[in-house]
Amino acid sequence: VESGGGLVQAGGSLRLSCAASENIFSLNAMGWYR
């Protein structure tokens, strides 16, 4: 489940978050795509 998106002006900052339902160590990798 992602969160943190929005509208921002050029030069600004945002922080996206993703909550995983399982222990991250059980995964091979995680990432962001757009």
Full PDB file with SEQRES, HELIX, SHEET, SSBOND, CRYST1, ORIGX, SCALE, CONECT and MASTER records, all heavy atoms in Angstrom:
SEQRES   1 A   34  VAL GLU SER GLY GLY GLY LEU VAL GLN ALA GLY GLY SER          
SEQRES   2 A   34  LEU ARG LEU SER CYS ALA ALA SER GLU ASN ILE PHE SER          
SEQRES   3 A   34  LEU ASN ALA MET GLY TRP TYR ARG                              
HELIX    1 AA1 ILE A   24  SER A   26  5                                   3    
SHEET    1 AA1 2 GLU A   2  SER A   3  0                                        
SHEET    2 AA1 2 SER A  17  CYS A  18 -1                                        
CRYST1    1.000    1.000    1.000  90.00  90.00  90.00 P 1           1          
ORIGX1      1.000000  0.000000  0.000000        0.00000                         
ORIGX2      0.000000  1.000000  0.000000        0.00000                         
ORIGX3      0.000000  0.000000  1.000000        0.00000                         
SCALE1      1.000000  0.000000  0.000000        0.00000                         
SCALE2      0.000000  1.000000  0.000000        0.00000                         
SCALE3      0.000000  0.000000  1.000000        0.00000                         
ATOM      1  N   VAL A   1       0.849  -1.192   0.000  1.00  0.00           N  
ATOM      2  CA  VAL A   1       0.000   0.000   0.000  1.00  0.00           C  
ATOM      3  C   VAL A   1       0.885   1.242   0.000  1.00  0.00           C  
ATOM      4  O   VAL A   1       1.651   1.462   0.941  1.00  0.00           O  
ATOM      5  CB  VAL A   1      -0.931   0.029   1.225  1.00  0.00           C  
ATOM      6  CG1 VAL A   1      -1.790   1.288   1.193  1.00  0.00           C  
ATOM      7  CG2 VAL A   1      -1.816  -1.214   1.259  1.00  0.00           C  
ATOM      8  N   GLU A   2       0.752   2.034  -1.069  1.00  0.00           N  
ATOM      9  CA  GLU A   2       1.541   3.256  -1.197  1.00  0.00           C  
ATOM     10  C   GLU A   2       0.809   4.457  -0.597  1.00  0.00           C  
ATOM     11  O   GLU A   2      -0.425   4.473  -0.529  1.00  0.00           O  
ATOM     12  CB  GLU A   2       1.827   3.575  -2.672  1.00  0.00           C  
ATOM     13  CG  GLU A   2       2.517   2.480  -3.450  1.00  0.00           C  
ATOM     14  CD  GLU A   2       1.559   1.635  -4.259  1.00  0.00           C  
ATOM     15  OE1 GLU A   2       0.374   1.561  -3.881  1.00  0.00           O  
ATOM     16  OE2 GLU A   2       1.993   1.045  -5.273  1.00  0.00           O  
ATOM     17  N   SER A   3       1.592   5.453  -0.222  1.00  0.00           N  
ATOM     18  CA  SER A   3       1.054   6.731   0.232  1.00  0.00           C  
ATOM     19  C   SER A   3       2.101   7.804   0.016  1.00  0.00           C  
ATOM     20  O   SER A   3       3.281   7.492  -0.217  1.00  0.00           O  
ATOM     21  CB  SER A   3       0.640   6.675   1.705  1.00  0.00           C  
ATOM     22  OG  SER A   3       1.750   6.382   2.519  1.00  0.00           O  
ATOM     23  N   GLY A   4       1.672   9.059   0.085  1.00  0.00           N  
ATOM     24  CA  GLY A   4       2.615  10.171   0.044  1.00  0.00           C  
ATOM     25  C   GLY A   4       2.666  10.945  -1.254  1.00  0.00           C  
ATOM     26  O   GLY A   4       3.403  11.929  -1.353  1.00  0.00           O  
ATOM     27  N   GLY A   5       1.906  10.535  -2.256  1.00  0.00           N  
ATOM     28  CA  GLY A   5       1.906  11.285  -3.505  1.00  0.00           C  
ATOM     29  C   GLY A   5       1.184  12.611  -3.341  1.00  0.00           C  
ATOM     30  O   GLY A   5       0.614  12.913  -2.290  1.00  0.00           O  
ATOM     31  N   GLY A   6       1.232  13.414  -4.394  1.00  0.00           N  
ATOM     32  CA  GLY A   6       0.550  14.701  -4.350  1.00  0.00           C  
ATOM     33  C   GLY A   6       1.018  15.617  -5.443  1.00  0.00           C  
ATOM     34  O   GLY A   6       1.709  15.198  -6.378  1.00  0.00           O  
ATOM     35  N   LEU A   7       0.631  16.880  -5.311  1.00  0.00           N  
ATOM     36  CA  LEU A   7       0.996  17.915  -6.266  1.00  0.00           C  
ATOM     37  C   LEU A   7       2.088  18.784  -5.655  1.00  0.00           C  
ATOM     38  O   LEU A   7       1.958  19.247  -4.513  1.00  0.00           O  
ATOM     39  CB  LEU A   7      -0.233  18.770  -6.597  1.00  0.00           C  
ATOM     40  CG  LEU A   7      -0.006  20.015  -7.458  1.00  0.00           C  
ATOM     41  CD1 LEU A   7       0.488  19.623  -8.840  1.00  0.00           C  
ATOM     42  CD2 LEU A   7      -1.298  20.827  -7.540  1.00  0.00           C  
ATOM     43  N   VAL A   8       3.150  19.009  -6.407  1.00  0.00           N  
ATOM     44  CA  VAL A   8       4.273  19.799  -5.918  1.00  0.00           C  
ATOM     45  C   VAL A   8       4.843  20.621  -7.070  1.00  0.00           C  
ATOM     46  O   VAL A   8       4.754  20.206  -8.236  1.00  0.00           O  
ATOM     47  CB  VAL A   8       5.352  18.883  -5.298  1.00  0.00           C  
ATOM     48  CG1 VAL A   8       5.963  17.974  -6.346  1.00  0.00           C  
ATOM     49  CG2 VAL A   8       6.412  19.678  -4.577  1.00  0.00           C  
ATOM     50  N   GLN A   9       5.402  21.772  -6.741  1.00  0.00           N  
ATOM     51  CA  GLN A   9       6.034  22.592  -7.773  1.00  0.00           C  
ATOM     52  C   GLN A   9       7.414  22.049  -8.114  1.00  0.00           C  
ATOM     53  O   GLN A   9       8.062  21.383  -7.288  1.00  0.00           O  
ATOM     54  CB  GLN A   9       6.161  24.030  -7.288  1.00  0.00           C  
ATOM     55  CG  GLN A   9       4.836  24.777  -7.220  1.00  0.00           C  
ATOM     56  CD  GLN A   9       5.027  26.251  -6.932  1.00  0.00           C  
ATOM     57  OE1 GLN A   9       6.002  26.645  -6.307  1.00  0.00           O  
ATOM     58  NE2 GLN A   9       4.074  27.069  -7.380  1.00  0.00           N  
ATOM     59  N   ALA A  10       7.862  22.343  -9.310  1.00  0.00           N  
ATOM     60  CA  ALA A  10       9.204  21.937  -9.733  1.00  0.00           C  
ATOM     61  C   ALA A  10      10.232  22.456  -8.725  1.00  0.00           C  
ATOM     62  O   ALA A  10      10.142  23.597  -8.255  1.00  0.00           O  
ATOM     63  CB  ALA A  10       9.499  22.484 -11.120  1.00  0.00           C  
ATOM     64  N   GLY A  11      11.182  21.594  -8.393  1.00  0.00           N  
ATOM     65  CA  GLY A  11      12.185  21.923  -7.400  1.00  0.00           C  
ATOM     66  C   GLY A  11      11.826  21.478  -6.004  1.00  0.00           C  
ATOM     67  O   GLY A  11      12.674  21.511  -5.105  1.00  0.00           O  
ATOM     68  N   GLY A  12      10.587  21.075  -5.811  1.00  0.00           N  
ATOM     69  CA  GLY A  12      10.112  20.643  -4.514  1.00  0.00           C  
ATOM     70  C   GLY A  12      10.456  19.200  -4.197  1.00  0.00           C  
ATOM     71  O   GLY A  12      11.156  18.532  -4.979  1.00  0.00           O  
ATOM     72  N   SER A  13       9.951  18.736  -3.051  1.00  0.00           N  
ATOM     73  CA  SER A  13      10.246  17.387  -2.574  1.00  0.00           C  
ATOM     74  C   SER A  13       8.978  16.666  -2.152  1.00  0.00           C  
ATOM     75  O   SER A  13       7.994  17.293  -1.753  1.00  0.00           O  
ATOM     76  CB  SER A  13      11.200  17.445  -1.364  1.00  0.00           C  
ATOM     77  OG  SER A  13      12.437  18.026  -1.714  1.00  0.00           O  
ATOM     78  N   LEU A  14       9.017  15.363  -2.273  1.00  0.00           N  
ATOM     79  CA  LEU A  14       7.969  14.481  -1.753  1.00  0.00           C  
ATOM     80  C   LEU A  14       8.631  13.224  -1.220  1.00  0.00           C  
ATOM     81  O   LEU A  14       9.704  12.827  -1.694  1.00  0.00           O  
ATOM     82  CB  LEU A  14       6.980  14.090  -2.852  1.00  0.00           C  
ATOM     83  CG  LEU A  14       5.906  15.082  -3.272  1.00  0.00           C  
ATOM     84  CD1 LEU A  14       5.131  14.520  -4.468  1.00  0.00           C  
ATOM     85  CD2 LEU A  14       4.967  15.408  -2.138  1.00  0.00           C  
ATOM     86  N   ARG A  15       7.956  12.590  -0.261  1.00  0.00           N  
ATOM     87  CA  ARG A  15       8.411  11.307   0.257  1.00  0.00           C  
ATOM     88  C   ARG A  15       7.285  10.295   0.110  1.00  0.00           C  
ATOM     89  O   ARG A  15       6.215  10.477   0.686  1.00  0.00           O  
ATOM     90  CB  ARG A  15       8.804  11.417   1.720  1.00  0.00           C  
ATOM     91  CG  ARG A  15       9.478  10.157   2.270  1.00  0.00           C  
ATOM     92  CD  ARG A  15       9.549  10.202   3.766  1.00  0.00           C  
ATOM     93  NE  ARG A  15      10.464   9.211   4.321  1.00  0.00           N  
ATOM     94  CZ  ARG A  15      10.370   8.728   5.549  1.00  0.00           C  
ATOM     95  NH1 ARG A  15       9.392   9.130   6.346  1.00  0.00           N  
ATOM     96  NH2 ARG A  15      11.250   7.845   6.000  1.00  0.00           N  
ATOM     97  N   LEU A  16       7.552   9.268  -0.673  1.00  0.00           N  
ATOM     98  CA  LEU A  16       6.593   8.190  -0.844  1.00  0.00           C  
ATOM     99  C   LEU A  16       6.867   7.077   0.161  1.00  0.00           C  
ATOM    100  O   LEU A  16       8.030   6.796   0.489  1.00  0.00           O  
ATOM    101  CB  LEU A  16       6.666   7.620  -2.261  1.00  0.00           C  
ATOM    102  CG  LEU A  16       6.477   8.613  -3.409  1.00  0.00           C  
ATOM    103  CD1 LEU A  16       6.490   7.857  -4.744  1.00  0.00           C  
ATOM    104  CD2 LEU A  16       5.219   9.414  -3.247  1.00  0.00           C  
ATOM    105  N   SER A  17       5.795   6.441   0.619  1.00  0.00           N  
ATOM    106  CA  SER A  17       5.908   5.320   1.541  1.00  0.00           C  
ATOM    107  C   SER A  17       5.156   4.121   0.986  1.00  0.00           C  
ATOM    108  O   SER A  17       4.154   4.288   0.280  1.00  0.00           O  
ATOM    109  CB  SER A  17       5.319   5.686   2.904  1.00  0.00           C  
ATOM    110  OG  SER A  17       5.979   6.794   3.479  1.00  0.00           O  
ATOM    111  N   CYS A  18       5.635   2.948   1.323  1.00  0.00           N  
ATOM    112  CA  CYS A  18       4.968   1.708   0.917  1.00  0.00           C  
ATOM    113  C   CYS A  18       4.998   0.756   2.099  1.00  0.00           C  
ATOM    114  O   CYS A  18       6.078   0.404   2.593  1.00  0.00           O  
ATOM    115  CB  CYS A  18       5.674   1.092  -0.287  1.00  0.00           C  
ATOM    116  SG  CYS A  18       5.057  -0.557  -0.743  1.00  0.00           S  
ATOM    117  N   ALA A  19       3.804   0.342   2.538  1.00  0.00           N  
ATOM    118  CA  ALA A  19       3.686  -0.608   3.631  1.00  0.00           C  
ATOM    119  C   ALA A  19       3.526  -2.014   3.064  1.00  0.00           C  
ATOM    120  O   ALA A  19       2.617  -2.258   2.255  1.00  0.00           O  
ATOM    121  CB  ALA A  19       2.483  -0.249   4.501  1.00  0.00           C  
ATOM    122  N   ALA A  20       4.392  -2.919   3.492  1.00  0.00           N  
ATOM    123  CA  ALA A  20       4.346  -4.307   3.040  1.00  0.00           C  
ATOM    124  C   ALA A  20       3.675  -5.163   4.102  1.00  0.00           C  
ATOM    125  O   ALA A  20       3.859  -4.939   5.301  1.00  0.00           O  
ATOM    126  CB  ALA A  20       5.753  -4.819   2.772  1.00  0.00           C  
ATOM    127  N   SER A  21       2.923  -6.175   3.639  1.00  0.00           N  
ATOM    128  CA  SER A  21       2.177  -7.034   4.568  1.00  0.00           C  
ATOM    129  C   SER A  21       3.042  -8.126   5.179  1.00  0.00           C  
ATOM    130  O   SER A  21       2.607  -8.810   6.099  1.00  0.00           O  
ATOM    131  CB  SER A  21       0.982  -7.670   3.850  1.00  0.00           C  
ATOM    132  OG  SER A  21       1.430  -8.498   2.787  1.00  0.00           O  
ATOM    133  N   GLU A  22       4.278  -8.292   4.649  1.00  0.00           N  
ATOM    134  CA  GLU A  22       5.144  -9.347   5.142  1.00  0.00           C  
ATOM    135  C   GLU A  22       6.522  -8.813   5.478  1.00  0.00           C  
ATOM    136  O   GLU A  22       6.898  -7.715   5.048  1.00  0.00           O  
ATOM    137  CB  GLU A  22       5.239 -10.469   4.105  1.00  0.00           C  
ATOM    138  CG  GLU A  22       3.894 -11.112   3.821  1.00  0.00           C  
ATOM    139  CD  GLU A  22       4.007 -12.362   2.983  1.00  0.00           C  
ATOM    140  OE1 GLU A  22       5.094 -12.950   2.928  1.00  0.00           O  
ATOM    141  OE2 GLU A  22       2.995 -12.757   2.372  1.00  0.00           O  
ATOM    142  N   ASN A  23       7.277  -9.627   6.199  1.00  0.00           N  
ATOM    143  CA  ASN A  23       8.630  -9.259   6.591  1.00  0.00           C  
ATOM    144  C   ASN A  23       9.495  -9.032   5.362  1.00  0.00           C  
ATOM    145  O   ASN A  23       9.553  -9.875   4.458  1.00  0.00           O  
ATOM    146  CB  ASN A  23       9.233 -10.381   7.442  1.00  0.00           C  
ATOM    147  CG  ASN A  23      10.522  -9.961   8.123  1.00  0.00           C  
ATOM    148  OD1 ASN A  23      11.423  -9.426   7.469  1.00  0.00           O  
ATOM    149  ND2 ASN A  23      10.607 -10.191   9.401  1.00  0.00           N  
ATOM    150  N   ILE A  24      10.143  -7.873   5.327  1.00  0.00           N  
ATOM    151  CA  ILE A  24      10.951  -7.500   4.160  1.00  0.00           C  
ATOM    152  C   ILE A  24      12.057  -8.512   3.902  1.00  0.00           C  
ATOM    153  O   ILE A  24      12.450  -8.750   2.757  1.00  0.00           O  
ATOM    154  CB  ILE A  24      11.498  -6.077   4.353  1.00  0.00           C  
ATOM    155  CG1 ILE A  24      10.367  -5.061   4.208  1.00  0.00           C  
ATOM    156  CG2 ILE A  24      12.633  -5.780   3.403  1.00  0.00           C  
ATOM    157  CD1 ILE A  24      10.775  -3.645   4.469  1.00  0.00           C  
ATOM    158  N   PHE A  25      12.566  -9.157   4.934  1.00  0.00           N  
ATOM    159  CA  PHE A  25      13.642 -10.128   4.753  1.00  0.00           C  
ATOM    160  C   PHE A  25      13.169 -11.379   4.020  1.00  0.00           C  
ATOM    161  O   PHE A  25      14.000 -12.180   3.577  1.00  0.00           O  
ATOM    162  CB  PHE A  25      14.273 -10.497   6.092  1.00  0.00           C  
ATOM    163  CG  PHE A  25      15.202  -9.447   6.619  1.00  0.00           C  
ATOM    164  CD1 PHE A  25      14.881  -8.703   7.740  1.00  0.00           C  
ATOM    165  CD2 PHE A  25      16.418  -9.185   5.987  1.00  0.00           C  
ATOM    166  CE1 PHE A  25      15.723  -7.723   8.217  1.00  0.00           C  
ATOM    167  CE2 PHE A  25      17.280  -8.206   6.465  1.00  0.00           C  
ATOM    168  CZ  PHE A  25      16.930  -7.475   7.587  1.00  0.00           C  
ATOM    169  N   SER A  26      11.854 -11.554   3.884  1.00  0.00           N  
ATOM    170  CA  SER A  26      11.321 -12.679   3.112  1.00  0.00           C  
ATOM    171  C   SER A  26      11.297 -12.371   1.616  1.00  0.00           C  
ATOM    172  O   SER A  26      10.974 -13.246   0.811  1.00  0.00           O  
ATOM    173  CB  SER A  26       9.908 -13.023   3.580  1.00  0.00           C  
ATOM    174  OG  SER A  26       8.970 -12.054   3.120  1.00  0.00           O  
ATOM    175  N   LEU A  27      11.634 -11.137   1.248  1.00  0.00           N  
ATOM    176  CA  LEU A  27      11.583 -10.703  -0.143  1.00  0.00           C  
ATOM    177  C   LEU A  27      12.974 -10.669  -0.758  1.00  0.00           C  
ATOM    178  O   LEU A  27      13.966 -10.477  -0.058  1.00  0.00           O  
ATOM    179  CB  LEU A  27      10.961  -9.307  -0.215  1.00  0.00           C  
ATOM    180  CG  LEU A  27       9.585  -9.157   0.430  1.00  0.00           C  
ATOM    181  CD1 LEU A  27       9.180  -7.696   0.469  1.00  0.00           C  
ATOM    182  CD2 LEU A  27       8.554  -9.988  -0.306  1.00  0.00           C  
ATOM    183  N   ASN A  28      13.041 -10.824  -2.073  1.00  0.00           N  
ATOM    184  CA  ASN A  28      14.315 -10.732  -2.779  1.00  0.00           C  
ATOM    185  C   ASN A  28      14.719  -9.272  -3.024  1.00  0.00           C  
ATOM    186  O   ASN A  28      15.898  -8.926  -3.010  1.00  0.00           O  
ATOM    187  CB  ASN A  28      14.236 -11.462  -4.118  1.00  0.00           C  
ATOM    188  CG  ASN A  28      13.974 -12.932  -3.944  1.00  0.00           C  
ATOM    189  OD1 ASN A  28      12.957 -13.454  -4.382  1.00  0.00           O  
ATOM    190  ND2 ASN A  28      14.893 -13.638  -3.274  1.00  0.00           N  
ATOM    191  N   ALA A  29      13.726  -8.448  -3.258  1.00  0.00           N  
ATOM    192  CA  ALA A  29      13.987  -7.028  -3.516  1.00  0.00           C  
ATOM    193  C   ALA A  29      12.673  -6.264  -3.467  1.00  0.00           C  
ATOM    194  O   ALA A  29      11.590  -6.855  -3.597  1.00  0.00           O  
ATOM    195  CB  ALA A  29      14.652  -6.818  -4.871  1.00  0.00           C  
ATOM    196  N   MET A  30      12.783  -4.962  -3.272  1.00  0.00           N  
ATOM    197  CA  MET A  30      11.638  -4.072  -3.392  1.00  0.00           C  
ATOM    198  C   MET A  30      12.052  -2.888  -4.268  1.00  0.00           C  
ATOM    199  O   MET A  30      13.239  -2.607  -4.436  1.00  0.00           O  
ATOM    200  CB  MET A  30      11.172  -3.573  -2.027  1.00  0.00           C  
ATOM    201  CG  MET A  30      10.640  -4.660  -1.136  1.00  0.00           C  
ATOM    202  SD  MET A  30       9.871  -3.999   0.358  1.00  0.00           S  
ATOM    203  CE  MET A  30       8.303  -3.381  -0.317  1.00  0.00           C  
ATOM    204  N   GLY A  31      11.048  -2.211  -4.794  1.00  0.00           N  
ATOM    205  CA  GLY A  31      11.394  -1.082  -5.652  1.00  0.00           C  
ATOM    206  C   GLY A  31      10.224  -0.167  -5.934  1.00  0.00           C  
ATOM    207  O   GLY A  31       9.084  -0.440  -5.535  1.00  0.00           O  
ATOM    208  N   TRP A  32      10.537   0.904  -6.603  1.00  0.00           N  
ATOM    209  CA  TRP A  32       9.555   1.870  -7.084  1.00  0.00           C  
ATOM    210  C   TRP A  32       9.623   1.936  -8.595  1.00  0.00           C  
ATOM    211  O   TRP A  32      10.718   1.998  -9.176  1.00  0.00           O  
ATOM    212  CB  TRP A  32       9.825   3.255  -6.504  1.00  0.00           C  
ATOM    213  CG  TRP A  32       9.578   3.353  -5.035  1.00  0.00           C  
ATOM    214  CD1 TRP A  32      10.504   3.260  -4.039  1.00  0.00           C  
ATOM    215  CD2 TRP A  32       8.315   3.580  -4.403  1.00  0.00           C  
ATOM    216  NE1 TRP A  32       9.891   3.397  -2.814  1.00  0.00           N  
ATOM    217  CE2 TRP A  32       8.555   3.605  -3.013  1.00  0.00           C  
ATOM    218  CE3 TRP A  32       7.018   3.776  -4.864  1.00  0.00           C  
ATOM    219  CZ2 TRP A  32       7.526   3.804  -2.086  1.00  0.00           C  
ATOM    220  CZ3 TRP A  32       6.005   3.972  -3.956  1.00  0.00           C  
ATOM    221  CH2 TRP A  32       6.260   3.992  -2.567  1.00  0.00           C  
ATOM    222  N   TYR A  33       8.459   1.934  -9.202  1.00  0.00           N  
ATOM    223  CA  TYR A  33       8.320   2.114 -10.632  1.00  0.00           C  
ATOM    224  C   TYR A  33       7.340   3.259 -10.866  1.00  0.00           C  
ATOM    225  O   TYR A  33       6.562   3.605  -9.964  1.00  0.00           O  
ATOM    226  CB  TYR A  33       7.778   0.836 -11.290  1.00  0.00           C  
ATOM    227  CG  TYR A  33       8.752  -0.310 -11.290  1.00  0.00           C  
ATOM    228  CD1 TYR A  33       9.093  -0.983 -10.124  1.00  0.00           C  
ATOM    229  CD2 TYR A  33       9.348  -0.740 -12.484  1.00  0.00           C  
ATOM    230  CE1 TYR A  33      10.005  -2.025 -10.121  1.00  0.00           C  
ATOM    231  CE2 TYR A  33      10.250  -1.797 -12.501  1.00  0.00           C  
ATOM    232  CZ  TYR A  33      10.566  -2.436 -11.321  1.00  0.00           C  
ATOM    233  OH  TYR A  33      11.463  -3.468 -11.333  1.00  0.00           O  
ATOM    234  N   ARG A  34       7.372   3.835 -12.037  1.00  0.00           N  
ATOM    235  CA  ARG A  34       6.422   4.899 -12.348  1.00  0.00           C  
ATOM    236  C   ARG A  34       5.921   4.758 -13.772  1.00  0.00           C  
ATOM    237  O   ARG A  34       6.584   4.190 -14.633  1.00  0.00           O  
ATOM    238  CB  ARG A  34       7.052   6.280 -12.153  1.00  0.00           C  
ATOM    239  CG  ARG A  34       8.179   6.606 -13.123  1.00  0.00           C  
ATOM    240  CD  ARG A  34       8.848   7.926 -12.731  1.00  0.00           C  
ATOM    241  NE  ARG A  34       9.968   8.231 -13.626  1.00  0.00           N  
ATOM    242  CZ  ARG A  34      10.848   9.200 -13.394  1.00  0.00           C  
ATOM    243  NH1 ARG A  34      10.723   9.976 -12.298  1.00  0.00           N  
ATOM    244  NH2 ARG A  34      11.835   9.433 -14.241  1.00  0.00           N  
TER     245      ARG A  34                                                      
MASTER        0    0    0    1    2    0    0    6  244    1    0    3          
END                                                                             
